PDB file of N, CA and C in Angstrom:
ATOM      1  N   UNK A   1     -92.996 139.528 118.140  1.00  0.00           N
ATOM      2  CA  UNK A   1     -94.178 139.805 117.450  1.00  0.00           C
ATOM      3  C   UNK A   1     -94.636 138.543 116.720  1.00  0.00           C
ATOM      4  N   UNK A   2     -95.551 138.759 116.262  1.00  0.00           N
ATOM      5  CA  UNK A   2     -96.215 137.604 115.339  1.00  0.00           C
ATOM      6  C   UNK A   2     -95.909 137.716 114.099  1.00  0.00           C
ATOM      7  N   UNK A   3     -95.611 136.502 113.216  1.00  0.00           N
ATOM      8  CA  UNK A   3     -95.347 136.615 111.997  1.00  0.00           C
ATOM      9  C   UNK A   3     -96.365 136.935 111.033  1.00  0.00           C
ATOM     10  N   UNK A   4     -96.167 137.413 109.816  1.00  0.00           N
ATOM     11  CA  UNK A   4     -97.378 137.620 108.915  1.00  0.00           C
ATOM     12  C   UNK A   4     -98.180 136.230 108.642  1.00  0.00           C
ATOM     13  N   UNK A   5     -99.268 136.262 108.203  1.00  0.00           N
ATOM     14  CA  UNK A   5     -99.921 134.962 107.687  1.00  0.00           C
ATOM     15  C   UNK A   5    -100.105 135.611 106.170  1.00  0.00           C
ATOM     16  N   UNK A   6     -99.355 134.222 105.618  1.00  0.00           N
ATOM     17  CA  UNK A   6     -99.516 133.850 103.860  1.00  0.00           C
ATOM     18  C   UNK A   6    -100.059 132.856 103.682  1.00  0.00           C
ATOM     19  N   UNK A   7    -100.113 132.805 102.354  1.00  0.00           N
ATOM     20  CA  UNK A   7    -100.311 131.487 101.715  1.00  0.00           C
ATOM     21  C   UNK A   7     -99.167 130.558 101.885  1.00  0.00           C
ATOM     22  N   UNK A   8     -98.282 130.793 102.033  1.00  0.00           N
ATOM     23  CA  UNK A   8     -97.056 129.713 102.087  1.00  0.00           C
ATOM     24  C   UNK A   8     -96.784 129.543 103.530  1.00  0.00           C
ATOM     25  N   UNK A   9     -97.469 130.192 104.434  1.00  0.00           N
ATOM     26  CA  UNK A   9     -96.976 130.243 105.824  1.00  0.00           C
ATOM     27  C   UNK A   9     -98.150 129.811 106.728  1.00  0.00           C
ATOM     28  N   UNK A  10     -98.390 128.773 107.676  1.00  0.00           N
ATOM     29  CA  UNK A  10     -99.326 128.045 108.292  1.00  0.00           C
ATOM     30  C   UNK A  10     -99.569 129.140 109.157  1.00  0.00           C
ATOM     31  N   UNK A  11     -99.999 128.785 110.472  1.00  0.00           N
ATOM     32  CA  UNK A  11    -100.685 129.598 111.477  1.00  0.00           C
ATOM     33  C   UNK A  11     -99.586 130.255 112.297  1.00  0.00           C
ATOM     34  N   UNK A  12     -99.508 131.556 112.426  1.00  0.00           N
ATOM     35  CA  UNK A  12     -98.972 132.359 113.369  1.00  0.00           C
ATOM     36  C   UNK A  12     -98.293 131.858 114.710  1.00  0.00           C
ATOM     37  N   UNK A  13     -97.350 131.575 115.200  1.00  0.00           N
ATOM     38  CA  UNK A  13     -96.925 131.494 116.702  1.00  0.00           C
ATOM     39  C   UNK A  13     -95.949 132.608 117.104  1.00  0.00           C
ATOM     40  N   UNK A  14     -95.946 132.307 118.445  1.00  0.00           N
ATOM     41  CA  UNK A  14     -95.026 133.310 118.669  1.00  0.00           C
ATOM     42  C   UNK A  14     -94.080 132.268 119.505  1.00  0.00           C
ATOM     43  N   UNK A  15     -92.689 132.789 118.793  1.00  0.00           N
ATOM     44  CA  UNK A  15     -91.488 131.975 119.310  1.00  0.00           C
ATOM     45  C   UNK A  15     -90.871 132.546 120.478  1.00  0.00           C
ATOM     46  N   UNK A  16     -90.681 131.563 121.342  1.00  0.00           N
ATOM     47  CA  UNK A  16     -89.833 131.745 122.365  1.00  0.00           C
ATOM     48  C   UNK A  16     -88.326 132.157 122.433  1.00  0.00           C
ATOM     49  N   UNK A  17     -88.277 133.457 122.675  1.00  0.00           N
ATOM     50  CA  UNK A  17     -86.793 134.102 122.499  1.00  0.00           C
ATOM     51  C   UNK A  17     -86.046 134.539 123.595  1.00  0.00           C
ATOM     52  N   UNK A  18     -85.012 133.691 123.872  1.00  0.00           N
ATOM     53  CA  UNK A  18     -84.540 133.931 125.498  1.00  0.00           C
ATOM     54  C   UNK A  18     -83.514 135.134 125.313  1.00  0.00           C
ATOM     55  N   UNK A  19     -82.717 135.320 124.389  1.00  0.00           N
ATOM     56  CA  UNK A  19     -81.766 136.317 124.470  1.00  0.00           C
ATOM     57  C   UNK A  19     -82.323 137.687 123.542  1.00  0.00           C
ATOM     58  N   UNK A  20     -83.315 137.969 123.062  1.00  0.00           N
ATOM     59  CA  UNK A  20     -83.929 138.836 122.394  1.00  0.00           C
ATOM     60  C   UNK A  20     -83.157 139.299 120.900  1.00  0.00           C
ATOM     61  N   UNK A  21     -82.694 138.224 120.324  1.00  0.00           N
ATOM     62  CA  UNK A  21     -81.677 138.629 119.321  1.00  0.00           C
ATOM     63  C   UNK A  21     -82.731 138.731 117.934  1.00  0.00           C
ATOM     64  N   UNK A  22     -83.624 138.558 117.627  1.00  0.00           N
ATOM     65  CA  UNK A  22     -84.519 138.524 116.963  1.00  0.00           C
ATOM     66  C   UNK A  22     -84.601 137.336 115.999  1.00  0.00           C
ATOM     67  N   UNK A  23     -84.828 137.344 114.424  1.00  0.00           N
ATOM     68  CA  UNK A  23     -84.732 136.191 113.566  1.00  0.00           C
ATOM     69  C   UNK A  23     -83.368 135.706 113.490  1.00  0.00           C
ATOM     70  N   UNK A  24     -82.620 136.614 113.339  1.00  0.00           N
ATOM     71  CA  UNK A  24     -81.060 136.316 113.136  1.00  0.00           C
ATOM     72  C   UNK A  24     -80.522 135.707 114.458  1.00  0.00           C
ATOM     73  N   UNK A  25     -80.869 135.599 115.334  1.00  0.00           N
ATOM     74  CA  UNK A  25     -80.349 135.218 116.509  1.00  0.00           C
ATOM     75  C   UNK A  25     -80.094 133.829 116.760  1.00  0.00           C
ATOM     76  N   UNK A  26     -80.144 132.854 116.012  1.00  0.00           N
ATOM     77  CA  UNK A  26     -79.829 131.654 116.130  1.00  0.00           C
ATOM     78  C   UNK A  26     -81.259 130.589 116.281  1.00  0.00           C
ATOM     79  N   UNK A  27     -80.994 129.376 116.615  1.00  0.00           N
ATOM     80  CA  UNK A  27     -81.991 128.452 117.096  1.00  0.00           C
ATOM     81  C   UNK A  27     -82.993 128.858 118.184  1.00  0.00           C
ATOM     82  N   UNK A  28     -84.052 128.445 117.933  1.00  0.00           N
ATOM     83  CA  UNK A  28     -84.944 128.575 119.318  1.00  0.00           C
ATOM     84  C   UNK A  28     -84.742 127.651 120.184  1.00  0.00           C
ATOM     85  N   UNK A  29     -85.180 127.945 121.498  1.00  0.00           N
ATOM     86  CA  UNK A  29     -85.271 127.366 122.689  1.00  0.00           C
ATOM     87  C   UNK A  29     -85.913 126.055 122.591  1.00  0.00           C
ATOM     88  N   UNK A  30     -85.549 124.738 123.256  1.00  0.00           N
ATOM     89  CA  UNK A  30     -86.281 123.864 123.207  1.00  0.00           C
ATOM     90  C   UNK A  30     -87.533 123.895 124.345  1.00  0.00           C
ATOM     91  N   UNK A  31     -88.702 123.846 123.989  1.00  0.00           N
ATOM     92  CA  UNK A  31     -89.567 123.851 124.759  1.00  0.00           C
ATOM     93  C   UNK A  31     -90.095 122.472 125.339  1.00  0.00           C
ATOM     94  N   UNK A  32     -90.208 122.361 126.667  1.00  0.00           N
ATOM     95  CA  UNK A  32     -90.465 121.258 127.317  1.00  0.00           C
ATOM     96  C   UNK A  32     -91.786 121.424 128.235  1.00  0.00           C
ATOM     97  N   UNK A  33     -92.756 120.503 128.535  1.00  0.00           N
ATOM     98  CA  UNK A  33     -94.047 120.202 129.415  1.00  0.00           C
ATOM     99  C   UNK A  33     -93.647 119.086 130.224  1.00  0.00           C
ATOM    100  N   UNK A  34     -93.429 119.808 131.797  1.00  0.00           N
ATOM    101  CA  UNK A  34     -93.095 118.657 132.803  1.00  0.00           C
ATOM    102  C   UNK A  34     -91.823 117.821 132.501  1.00  0.00           C
ATOM    103  N   UNK A  35     -90.922 118.606 131.745  1.00  0.00           N
ATOM    104  CA  UNK A  35     -89.571 117.626 131.278  1.00  0.00           C
ATOM    105  C   UNK A  35     -89.837 116.698 129.866  1.00  0.00           C
ATOM    106  N   UNK A  36     -90.879 116.781 129.260  1.00  0.00           N
ATOM    107  CA  UNK A  36     -91.098 116.286 128.001  1.00  0.00           C
ATOM    108  C   UNK A  36     -91.054 116.944 126.874  1.00  0.00           C
ATOM    109  N   UNK A  37     -90.846 116.348 125.787  1.00  0.00           N
ATOM    110  CA  UNK A  37     -90.715 117.482 124.325  1.00  0.00           C
ATOM    111  C   UNK A  37     -92.142 117.406 124.002  1.00  0.00           C
ATOM    112  N   UNK A  38     -92.444 118.837 123.636  1.00  0.00           N
ATOM    113  CA  UNK A  38     -93.801 119.325 122.922  1.00  0.00           C
ATOM    114  C   UNK A  38     -93.693 118.928 121.418  1.00  0.00           C
ATOM    115  N   UNK A  39     -94.705 118.432 120.583  1.00  0.00           N
ATOM    116  CA  UNK A  39     -94.704 118.391 119.214  1.00  0.00           C
ATOM    117  C   UNK A  39     -94.996 120.031 118.748  1.00  0.00           C
ATOM    118  N   UNK A  40     -94.709 120.280 117.558  1.00  0.00           N
ATOM    119  CA  UNK A  40     -94.633 121.373 116.762  1.00  0.00           C
ATOM    120  C   UNK A  40     -96.062 121.846 116.417  1.00  0.00           C
ATOM    121  N   UNK A  41     -96.483 123.330 116.514  1.00  0.00           N
ATOM    122  CA  UNK A  41     -97.693 123.643 116.352  1.00  0.00           C
ATOM    123  C   UNK A  41     -98.174 123.757 114.999  1.00  0.00           C
ATOM    124  N   UNK A  42     -99.309 122.957 114.444  1.00  0.00           N
ATOM    125  CA  UNK A  42     -99.630 122.784 113.221  1.00  0.00           C
ATOM    126  C   UNK A  42     -99.063 121.802 112.437  1.00  0.00           C
ATOM    127  N   UNK A  43     -99.475 122.065 111.008  1.00  0.00           N
ATOM    128  CA  UNK A  43     -98.879 120.816 110.211  1.00  0.00           C
ATOM    129  C   UNK A  43     -97.498 121.364 109.817  1.00  0.00           C
ATOM    130  N   UNK A  44     -97.246 122.602 109.383  1.00  0.00           N
ATOM    131  CA  UNK A  44     -96.149 122.945 108.633  1.00  0.00           C
ATOM    132  C   UNK A  44     -94.739 123.834 109.717  1.00  0.00           C
ATOM    133  N   UNK A  45     -95.440 123.618 111.030  1.00  0.00           N
ATOM    134  CA  UNK A  45     -94.779 123.918 111.967  1.00  0.00           C
ATOM    135  C   UNK A  45     -93.608 123.007 112.831  1.00  0.00           C
ATOM    136  N   UNK A  46     -92.513 123.279 112.964  1.00  0.00           N
ATOM    137  CA  UNK A  46     -91.364 122.626 113.757  1.00  0.00           C
ATOM    138  C   UNK A  46     -91.344 123.520 115.311  1.00  0.00           C
ATOM    139  N   UNK A  47     -91.956 124.622 115.453  1.00  0.00           N
ATOM    140  CA  UNK A  47     -92.132 125.046 116.812  1.00  0.00           C
ATOM    141  C   UNK A  47     -92.979 125.104 117.674  1.00  0.00           C
ATOM    142  N   UNK A  48     -92.658 124.973 118.860  1.00  0.00           N
ATOM    143  CA  UNK A  48     -93.701 125.053 119.805  1.00  0.00           C
ATOM    144  C   UNK A  48     -94.437 126.052 119.927  1.00  0.00           C
ATOM    145  N   UNK A  49     -95.960 126.084 120.303  1.00  0.00           N
ATOM    146  CA  UNK A  49     -96.589 127.386 120.663  1.00  0.00           C
ATOM    147  C   UNK A  49     -97.184 127.135 121.891  1.00  0.00           C
ATOM    148  N   UNK A  50     -96.079 127.706 122.992  1.00  0.00           N
ATOM    149  CA  UNK A  50     -96.481 127.596 124.419  1.00  0.00           C
ATOM    150  C   UNK A  50     -97.613 128.511 124.594  1.00  0.00           C
ATOM    151  N   UNK A  51     -98.325 129.547 124.061  1.00  0.00           N
ATOM    152  CA  UNK A  51     -99.727 130.413 124.360  1.00  0.00           C
ATOM    153  C   UNK A  51    -100.886 129.418 124.228  1.00  0.00           C
ATOM    154  N   UNK A  52    -100.662 127.777 123.844  1.00  0.00           N
ATOM    155  CA  UNK A  52    -101.759 127.062 123.998  1.00  0.00           C
ATOM    156  C   UNK A  52    -101.997 126.619 125.319  1.00  0.00           C
ATOM    157  N   UNK A  53    -100.861 126.801 126.235  1.00  0.00           N
ATOM    158  CA  UNK A  53    -101.038 126.151 127.150  1.00  0.00           C
ATOM    159  C   UNK A  53    -101.783 127.352 128.175  1.00  0.00           C
ATOM    160  N   UNK A  54    -102.739 126.810 128.990  1.00  0.00           N
ATOM    161  CA  UNK A  54    -103.358 127.960 129.921  1.00  0.00           C
ATOM    162  C   UNK A  54    -102.476 128.438 130.910  1.00  0.00           C
ATOM    163  N   UNK A  55    -102.325 129.456 131.219  1.00  0.00           N
ATOM    164  CA  UNK A  55    -101.540 130.023 132.201  1.00  0.00           C
ATOM    165  C   UNK A  55    -102.011 129.731 133.769  1.00  0.00           C
ATOM    166  N   UNK A  56    -103.262 129.141 133.645  1.00  0.00           N
ATOM    167  CA  UNK A  56    -103.850 128.849 134.969  1.00  0.00           C
ATOM    168  C   UNK A  56    -103.205 127.559 135.669  1.00  0.00           C
ATOM    169  N   UNK A  57    -102.950 126.684 134.793  1.00  0.00           N
ATOM    170  CA  UNK A  57    -102.340 125.232 135.321  1.00  0.00           C
ATOM    171  C   UNK A  57    -100.691 125.160 135.181  1.00  0.00           C
ATOM    172  N   UNK A  58    -100.018 126.566 134.693  1.00  0.00           N
ATOM    173  CA  UNK A  58     -98.379 126.404 134.979  1.00  0.00           C
ATOM    174  C   UNK A  58     -98.400 126.743 136.747  1.00  0.00           C
ATOM    175  N   UNK A  59     -97.455 125.868 136.999  1.00  0.00           N
ATOM    176  CA  UNK A  59     -96.872 126.190 138.508  1.00  0.00           C
ATOM    177  C   UNK A  59     -95.899 126.819 138.704  1.00  0.00           C
ATOM    178  N   UNK A  60     -94.809 126.770 137.580  1.00  0.00           N
ATOM    179  CA  UNK A  60     -93.408 127.620 137.476  1.00  0.00           C
ATOM    180  C   UNK A  60     -92.964 127.260 136.174  1.00  0.00           C
ATOM    181  N   UNK A  61     -91.930 128.072 136.026  1.00  0.00           N
ATOM    182  CA  UNK A  61     -91.441 127.763 134.239  1.00  0.00           C
ATOM    183  C   UNK A  61     -89.769 127.956 134.951  1.00  0.00           C
ATOM    184  N   UNK A  62     -89.212 126.693 134.356  1.00  0.00           N
ATOM    185  CA  UNK A  62     -87.825 127.101 134.703  1.00  0.00           C
ATOM    186  C   UNK A  62     -86.865 127.054 133.188  1.00  0.00           C
ATOM    187  N   UNK A  63     -85.709 127.664 133.210  1.00  0.00           N
ATOM    188  CA  UNK A  63     -85.421 128.490 132.280  1.00  0.00           C
ATOM    189  C   UNK A  63     -83.931 128.164 132.325  1.00  0.00           C
ATOM    190  N   UNK A  64     -83.088 127.632 130.973  1.00  0.00           N
ATOM    191  CA  UNK A  64     -81.636 127.371 131.317  1.00  0.00           C
ATOM    192  C   UNK A  64     -81.547 128.031 129.863  1.00  0.00           C
ATOM    193  N   UNK A  65     -80.919 129.409 129.878  1.00  0.00           N
ATOM    194  CA  UNK A  65     -80.505 129.930 128.722  1.00  0.00           C
ATOM    195  C   UNK A  65     -79.400 129.575 127.888  1.00  0.00           C
ATOM    196  N   UNK A  66     -78.357 128.993 128.637  1.00  0.00           N
ATOM    197  CA  UNK A  66     -77.187 128.793 127.790  1.00  0.00           C
ATOM    198  C   UNK A  66     -77.626 127.222 127.142  1.00  0.00           C
ATOM    199  N   UNK A  67     -77.011 126.732 126.243  1.00  0.00           N
ATOM    200  CA  UNK A  67     -77.187 125.480 125.317  1.00  0.00           C
ATOM    201  C   UNK A  67     -77.178 124.301 126.633  1.00  0.00           C
ATOM    202  N   UNK A  68     -78.255 123.541 126.534  1.00  0.00           N
ATOM    203  CA  UNK A  68     -78.376 122.418 127.284  1.00  0.00           C
ATOM    204  C   UNK A  68     -78.118 121.195 126.467  1.00  0.00           C
ATOM    205  N   UNK A  69     -77.273 121.394 125.250  1.00  0.00           N
ATOM    206  CA  UNK A  69     -77.138 120.199 124.641  1.00  0.00           C
ATOM    207  C   UNK A  69     -76.859 119.076 125.196  1.00  0.00           C
ATOM    208  N   UNK A  70     -75.934 119.237 125.952  1.00  0.00           N
ATOM    209  CA  UNK A  70     -75.336 117.876 126.967  1.00  0.00           C
ATOM    210  C   UNK A  70     -76.299 117.241 127.376  1.00  0.00           C
ATOM    211  N   UNK A  71     -77.220 117.711 128.201  1.00  0.00           N
ATOM    212  CA  UNK A  71     -78.395 116.983 128.459  1.00  0.00           C
ATOM    213  C   UNK A  71     -79.651 116.705 127.530  1.00  0.00           C
ATOM    214  N   UNK A  72     -80.250 117.559 126.676  1.00  0.00           N
ATOM    215  CA  UNK A  72     -81.446 117.486 126.056  1.00  0.00           C
ATOM    216  C   UNK A  72     -81.135 117.027 124.657  1.00  0.00           C
ATOM    217  N   UNK A  73     -79.837 116.990 124.209  1.00  0.00           N
ATOM    218  CA  UNK A  73     -79.152 116.825 122.721  1.00  0.00           C
ATOM    219  C   UNK A  73     -79.268 118.352 122.003  1.00  0.00           C
ATOM    220  N   UNK A  74     -78.938 118.103 120.699  1.00  0.00           N
ATOM    221  CA  UNK A  74     -78.783 119.386 119.600  1.00  0.00           C
ATOM    222  C   UNK A  74     -80.214 119.997 119.430  1.00  0.00           C
ATOM    223  N   UNK A  75     -80.997 119.884 119.719  1.00  0.00           N
ATOM    224  CA  UNK A  75     -82.312 120.918 120.094  1.00  0.00           C
ATOM    225  C   UNK A  75     -82.239 121.778 120.850  1.00  0.00           C
ATOM    226  N   UNK A  76     -81.377 121.774 122.085  1.00  0.00           N
ATOM    227  CA  UNK A  76     -81.534 122.484 123.036  1.00  0.00           C
ATOM    228  C   UNK A  76     -80.142 123.643 122.989  1.00  0.00           C
ATOM    229  N   UNK A  77     -79.640 124.019 121.687  1.00  0.00           N
ATOM    230  CA  UNK A  77     -78.576 124.988 121.657  1.00  0.00           C
ATOM    231  C   UNK A  77     -78.833 126.118 122.123  1.00  0.00           C
ATOM    232  N   UNK A  78     -80.497 126.259 121.750  1.00  0.00           N
ATOM    233  CA  UNK A  78     -80.753 127.823 121.780  1.00  0.00           C
ATOM    234  C   UNK A  78     -81.263 127.981 123.560  1.00  0.00           C
ATOM    235  N   UNK A  79     -81.202 126.994 124.068  1.00  0.00           N
ATOM    236  CA  UNK A  79     -81.606 127.152 125.430  1.00  0.00           C
ATOM    237  C   UNK A  79     -82.683 126.058 125.548  1.00  0.00           C
ATOM    238  N   UNK A  80     -83.420 126.162 126.974  1.00  0.00           N
ATOM    239  CA  UNK A  80     -84.198 125.291 127.361  1.00  0.00           C
ATOM    240  C   UNK A  80     -85.229 125.865 128.089  1.00  0.00           C
ATOM    241  N   UNK A  81     -86.738 125.809 127.698  1.00  0.00           N
ATOM    242  CA  UNK A  81     -87.888 126.426 128.513  1.00  0.00           C
ATOM    243  C   UNK A  81     -88.568 125.450 129.184  1.00  0.00           C
ATOM    244  N   UNK A  82     -88.683 124.946 130.589  1.00  0.00           N
ATOM    245  CA  UNK A  82     -89.153 123.815 131.012  1.00  0.00           C
ATOM    246  C   UNK A  82     -90.752 124.177 131.776  1.00  0.00           C
ATOM    247  N   UNK A  83     -91.794 124.366 131.028  1.00  0.00           N
ATOM    248  CA  UNK A  83     -93.195 124.764 131.669  1.00  0.00           C
ATOM    249  C   UNK A  83     -93.596 123.577 132.619  1.00  0.00           C
ATOM    250  N   UNK A  84     -93.635 123.789 134.123  1.00  0.00           N
ATOM    251  CA  UNK A  84     -93.957 122.829 134.919  1.00  0.00           C
ATOM    252  C   UNK A  84     -95.577 123.266 135.455  1.00  0.00           C
ATOM    253  N   UNK A  85     -96.453 122.143 135.477  1.00  0.00           N
ATOM    254  CA  UNK A  85     -97.816 122.301 135.547  1.00  0.00           C
ATOM    255  C   UNK A  85     -98.334 121.919 136.992  1.00  0.00           C
ATOM    256  N   UNK A  86     -99.246 122.455 137.510  1.00  0.00           N
ATOM    257  CA  UNK A  86     -99.583 122.274 138.907  1.00  0.00           C
ATOM    258  C   UNK A  86     -99.816 120.884 139.110  1.00  0.00           C
ATOM    259  N   UNK A  87     -99.711 120.072 140.173  1.00  0.00           N
ATOM    260  CA  UNK A  87     -99.497 118.695 140.347  1.00  0.00           C
ATOM    261  C   UNK A  87    -101.076 118.301 141.042  1.00  0.00           C
ATOM    262  N   UNK A  88    -101.908 119.384 141.524  1.00  0.00           N
ATOM    263  CA  UNK A  88    -103.087 119.172 142.114  1.00  0.00           C
ATOM    264  C   UNK A  88    -103.772 120.340 141.788  1.00  0.00           C
ATOM    265  N   UNK A  89    -105.310 119.912 141.641  1.00  0.00           N
ATOM    266  CA  UNK A  89    -105.956 121.102 141.410  1.00  0.00           C
ATOM    267  C   UNK A  89    -107.190 120.910 143.075  1.00  0.00           C
ATOM    268  N   UNK A  90    -107.296 122.128 143.518  1.00  0.00           N
ATOM    269  CA  UNK A  90    -108.149 121.776 144.730  1.00  0.00           C
ATOM    270  C   UNK A  90    -109.617 122.285 144.610  1.00  0.00           C
ATOM    271  N   UNK A  91    -109.997 122.989 143.401  1.00  0.00           N
ATOM    272  CA  UNK A  91    -111.042 123.737 143.437  1.00  0.00           C
ATOM    273  C   UNK A  91    -111.146 124.090 141.837  1.00  0.00           C
ATOM    274  N   UNK A  92    -111.699 125.180 142.003  1.00  0.00           N
ATOM    275  CA  UNK A  92    -112.363 125.673 140.475  1.00  0.00           C
ATOM    276  C   UNK A  92    -111.784 127.377 140.201  1.00  0.00           C
ATOM    277  N   UNK A  93    -111.472 127.665 139.158  1.00  0.00           N
ATOM    278  CA  UNK A  93    -110.720 129.001 139.020  1.00  0.00           C
ATOM    279  C   UNK A  93    -110.904 129.630 137.990  1.00  0.00           C
ATOM    280  N   UNK A  94    -111.750 130.893 138.076  1.00  0.00           N
ATOM    281  CA  UNK A  94    -112.174 131.642 136.962  1.00  0.00           C
ATOM    282  C   UNK A  94    -110.961 132.932 136.709  1.00  0.00           C
ATOM    283  N   UNK A  95    -111.092 133.566 135.648  1.00  0.00           N
ATOM    284  CA  UNK A  95    -110.689 134.767 135.542  1.00  0.00           C
ATOM    285  C   UNK A  95    -111.333 135.528 134.214  1.00  0.00           C
ATOM    286  N   UNK A  96    -110.970 136.779 134.042  1.00  0.00           N
ATOM    287  CA  UNK A  96    -111.774 137.507 132.927  1.00  0.00           C
ATOM    288  C   UNK A  96    -111.156 138.561 132.782  1.00  0.00           C
ATOM    289  N   UNK A  97    -111.389 139.422 132.132  1.00  0.00           N
ATOM    290  CA  UNK A  97    -111.183 140.801 131.676  1.00  0.00           C
ATOM    291  C   UNK A  97    -112.269 141.983 130.850  1.00  0.00           C
TER     292      UNK A  97
END
């Protein structure tokens, strides 16, 4: 779920949780976009907000649930989520609810 907004907390973001262990489950996974690190959301946040990426541009998602620290460093102890975007766009796409 989303954390509660308060004066001491910036914007609420949905943290990626690969193991479903909740807040006491350890470190969050490293979120990559096309293999590159993504900056944290907002001023006070170090976590990446993957919901800012439009779902229509994502081609696939690669997940390494176990620690990928040997490849990506100590930030990847909680796993790695790599969002791969589409390479080509051949037209227009619209969606709605």
